[in-house]
Amino acid sequence: MNINNYTPPRSSSNPVLFIIFALVGLGLLAGALFSYQSTAQNISTRSLAIGHVVGFEVHSDSEGDSYVPVVEFASADGQTVRTTSFAGQNVIVSGDYSFGQTVEVYYNPDNPGDMFINDFLHTWFVAALLGGLGLLFLVIDVVVFFFTRAMTRAYGVGQTWQ
């Protein structure tokens, strides 16, 4: 082999896959940032109150029954409000509530029935999920990229890695 004509082996991995993984990861991180900002904006326009779980409503669908906590709290103007979290909307329900439990609620001062319980599931879950998945995609992308690059340099294209 003539050393002057030598070209190092090229990676046999497809760079399109690395780009796709990176774009998916960055897209998920962008979604996490948007969700975080949206939640922070939503919280900044609401009032905080202390309430109590006074019962549960049953919501049935094809998946089965869900029990949504009914919360009672006093608004800033002294009005007693009894409602479910995100009344009238599809809700994510956590089984962590019990009758009489004290909970913090964020409510719309113009419409106190529009409230949600201040817990991780109702506030930051979507942002955390999207951010975690985005980071996972990017970490996998970087690890596989550098592993593939190192193996290609060490063994060349078409060589068996042992």
Protein backbone atom coordinates (compact mmCIF):
# COMPACT_ATOMS: atom_id res chain seq x y z
CA MET A 1 0.00 0.00 0.00
CA ASN A 2 1.34 3.37 -1.00
CA ILE A 3 1.21 5.72 1.98
CA ASN A 4 0.82 8.75 -0.29
CA ASN A 5 -2.48 7.49 -1.72
CA TYR A 6 -3.94 6.33 1.60
CA THR A 7 -7.33 7.71 2.61
CA PRO A 8 -8.75 6.84 6.01
CA PRO A 9 -11.88 4.69 6.06
CA ARG A 10 -15.21 6.54 6.05
CA SER A 11 -17.85 5.86 8.62
CA SER A 12 -20.41 3.33 7.49
CA SER A 13 -23.06 4.96 9.67
CA ASN A 14 -25.72 7.08 8.06
CA PRO A 15 -25.34 10.76 9.02
CA VAL A 16 -29.04 11.33 8.30
CA LEU A 17 -29.92 9.31 11.41
CA PHE A 18 -27.70 11.52 13.57
CA ILE A 19 -29.33 14.62 12.12
CA ILE A 20 -32.84 13.21 12.68
CA PHE A 21 -32.08 12.28 16.29
CA ALA A 22 -30.58 15.74 16.89
CA LEU A 23 -33.58 17.49 15.34
CA VAL A 24 -36.05 15.39 17.33
CA GLY A 25 -34.12 16.10 20.53
CA LEU A 26 -33.95 19.82 19.81
CA GLY A 27 -37.65 19.86 18.88
CA LEU A 28 -38.56 18.18 22.16
CA LEU A 29 -36.40 20.66 24.08
CA ALA A 30 -38.11 23.53 22.26
CA GLY A 31 -41.48 22.04 23.22
CA ALA A 32 -40.32 21.78 26.83
CA LEU A 33 -39.25 25.42 26.83
CA PHE A 34 -42.59 26.49 25.31
CA SER A 35 -44.52 24.41 27.87
CA TYR A 36 -42.45 25.84 30.73
CA GLN A 37 -42.98 29.43 29.56
CA SER A 38 -46.69 28.83 28.99
CA THR A 39 -47.12 27.35 32.47
CA ALA A 40 -45.11 30.14 34.10
CA GLN A 41 -47.21 32.73 32.24
CA ASN A 42 -50.42 30.95 33.27
CA ILE A 43 -49.34 30.85 36.92
CA SER A 44 -48.34 34.53 36.90
CA THR A 45 -51.90 35.57 35.94
CA ARG A 46 -53.58 33.48 38.64
CA SER A 47 -54.10 33.80 42.36
CA LEU A 48 -52.97 31.20 44.87
CA ALA A 49 -55.33 29.83 47.52
CA ILE A 50 -55.42 27.00 50.03
CA GLY A 51 -58.23 24.51 49.53
CA HIS A 52 -59.42 21.15 50.77
CA VAL A 53 -60.44 18.01 48.90
CA VAL A 54 -64.13 17.63 49.74
CA GLY A 55 -64.99 14.74 47.45
CA PHE A 56 -64.39 13.08 44.13
CA GLU A 57 -66.18 13.08 40.78
CA VAL A 58 -66.17 9.98 38.64
CA HIS A 59 -65.25 10.45 34.98
CA SER A 60 -65.84 7.38 32.83
CA ASP A 61 -64.44 6.66 29.40
CA SER A 62 -63.30 3.67 27.34
CA GLU A 63 -60.24 3.36 29.60
CA GLY A 64 -62.36 2.98 32.73
CA ASP A 65 -63.24 5.23 35.65
CA SER A 66 -61.12 8.13 36.90
CA TYR A 67 -61.70 9.91 40.18
CA VAL A 68 -61.14 13.66 40.00
CA PRO A 69 -60.78 15.54 43.30
CA VAL A 70 -63.41 18.16 44.09
CA VAL A 71 -61.70 21.07 45.84
CA GLU A 72 -63.26 23.79 47.96
CA PHE A 73 -61.40 27.05 48.59
CA ALA A 74 -62.05 30.70 49.35
CA SER A 75 -61.15 33.23 46.64
CA ALA A 76 -59.50 36.57 47.47
CA ASP A 77 -62.92 38.26 47.56
CA GLY A 78 -64.21 35.75 50.13
CA GLN A 79 -66.32 33.69 47.73
CA THR A 80 -66.40 29.96 48.53
CA VAL A 81 -65.66 27.97 45.40
CA ARG A 82 -66.21 24.25 44.94
CA THR A 83 -64.97 22.76 41.68
CA THR A 84 -62.76 20.15 40.07
CA SER A 85 -59.35 20.86 38.63
CA PHE A 86 -59.74 22.07 35.04
CA ALA A 87 -63.52 21.80 35.27
CA GLY A 88 -65.04 20.64 32.00
CA GLN A 89 -61.74 19.72 30.39
CA ASN A 90 -59.83 16.49 29.96
CA VAL A 91 -57.75 16.12 33.09
CA ILE A 92 -54.77 14.15 34.23
CA VAL A 93 -55.71 12.59 37.54
CA SER A 94 -53.32 11.52 40.21
CA GLY A 95 -54.33 8.97 42.82
CA ASP A 96 -52.43 10.89 45.49
CA TYR A 97 -55.40 12.83 46.87
CA SER A 98 -57.47 11.90 49.86
CA PHE A 99 -60.65 13.28 51.38
CA GLY A 100 -59.92 16.32 53.56
CA GLN A 101 -56.42 16.80 52.18
CA THR A 102 -55.17 20.39 52.07
CA VAL A 103 -54.02 21.48 48.60
CA GLU A 104 -52.77 24.68 47.00
CA VAL A 105 -54.75 25.83 43.99
CA TYR A 106 -54.10 28.41 41.30
CA TYR A 107 -57.32 30.02 40.16
CA ASN A 108 -58.38 32.68 37.70
CA PRO A 109 -59.48 35.73 39.75
CA ASP A 110 -62.08 36.61 37.08
CA ASN A 111 -63.47 33.06 37.06
CA PRO A 112 -62.55 31.21 40.29
CA GLY A 113 -64.02 27.96 38.99
CA ASP A 114 -61.14 27.89 36.49
CA MET A 115 -58.44 26.44 38.73
CA PHE A 116 -55.82 23.73 38.94
CA ILE A 117 -54.10 22.04 41.84
CA ASN A 118 -50.53 23.19 42.43
CA ASP A 119 -48.69 19.90 42.14
CA PHE A 120 -46.02 18.61 39.78
CA LEU A 121 -48.49 16.67 37.65
CA HIS A 122 -50.75 19.64 36.96
CA THR A 123 -48.01 22.24 36.52
CA TRP A 124 -44.63 21.00 35.33
CA PHE A 125 -45.15 17.41 34.12
CA VAL A 126 -45.41 18.21 30.39
CA ALA A 127 -42.35 20.47 30.41
CA ALA A 128 -40.34 17.89 32.37
CA LEU A 129 -41.43 15.02 30.14
CA LEU A 130 -40.58 16.85 26.92
CA GLY A 131 -37.29 18.12 28.34
CA GLY A 132 -36.30 14.68 29.59
CA LEU A 133 -37.09 13.03 26.26
CA GLY A 134 -35.26 15.77 24.37
CA LEU A 135 -32.16 15.33 26.51
CA LEU A 136 -32.39 11.55 26.11
CA PHE A 137 -32.49 11.85 22.31
CA LEU A 138 -29.53 14.24 22.30
CA VAL A 139 -27.46 12.12 24.70
CA ILE A 140 -28.12 8.96 22.66
CA ASP A 141 -27.24 10.87 19.49
CA VAL A 142 -23.94 12.15 20.88
CA VAL A 143 -22.94 8.81 22.45
CA VAL A 144 -23.70 6.80 19.31
CA PHE A 145 -21.97 9.40 17.13
CA PHE A 146 -18.73 9.32 19.13
CA PHE A 147 -18.86 5.54 19.62
CA THR A 148 -19.34 5.00 15.88
CA ARG A 149 -16.56 7.46 15.10
CA ALA A 150 -14.16 5.79 17.55
CA MET A 151 -14.95 2.28 16.25
CA THR A 152 -14.57 3.39 12.64
CA ARG A 153 -11.18 4.92 13.38
CA ALA A 154 -10.06 1.89 15.36
CA TYR A 155 -11.29 -0.87 13.07
CA GLY A 156 -12.16 0.75 9.77
CA VAL A 157 -15.21 0.19 7.61
CA GLY A 158 -16.35 -3.39 7.24
CA GLN A 159 -14.22 -4.69 10.11
CA THR A 160 -15.74 -6.77 12.87
CA TRP A 161 -15.68 -5.12 16.28
CA GLN A 162 -14.54 -7.56 18.95
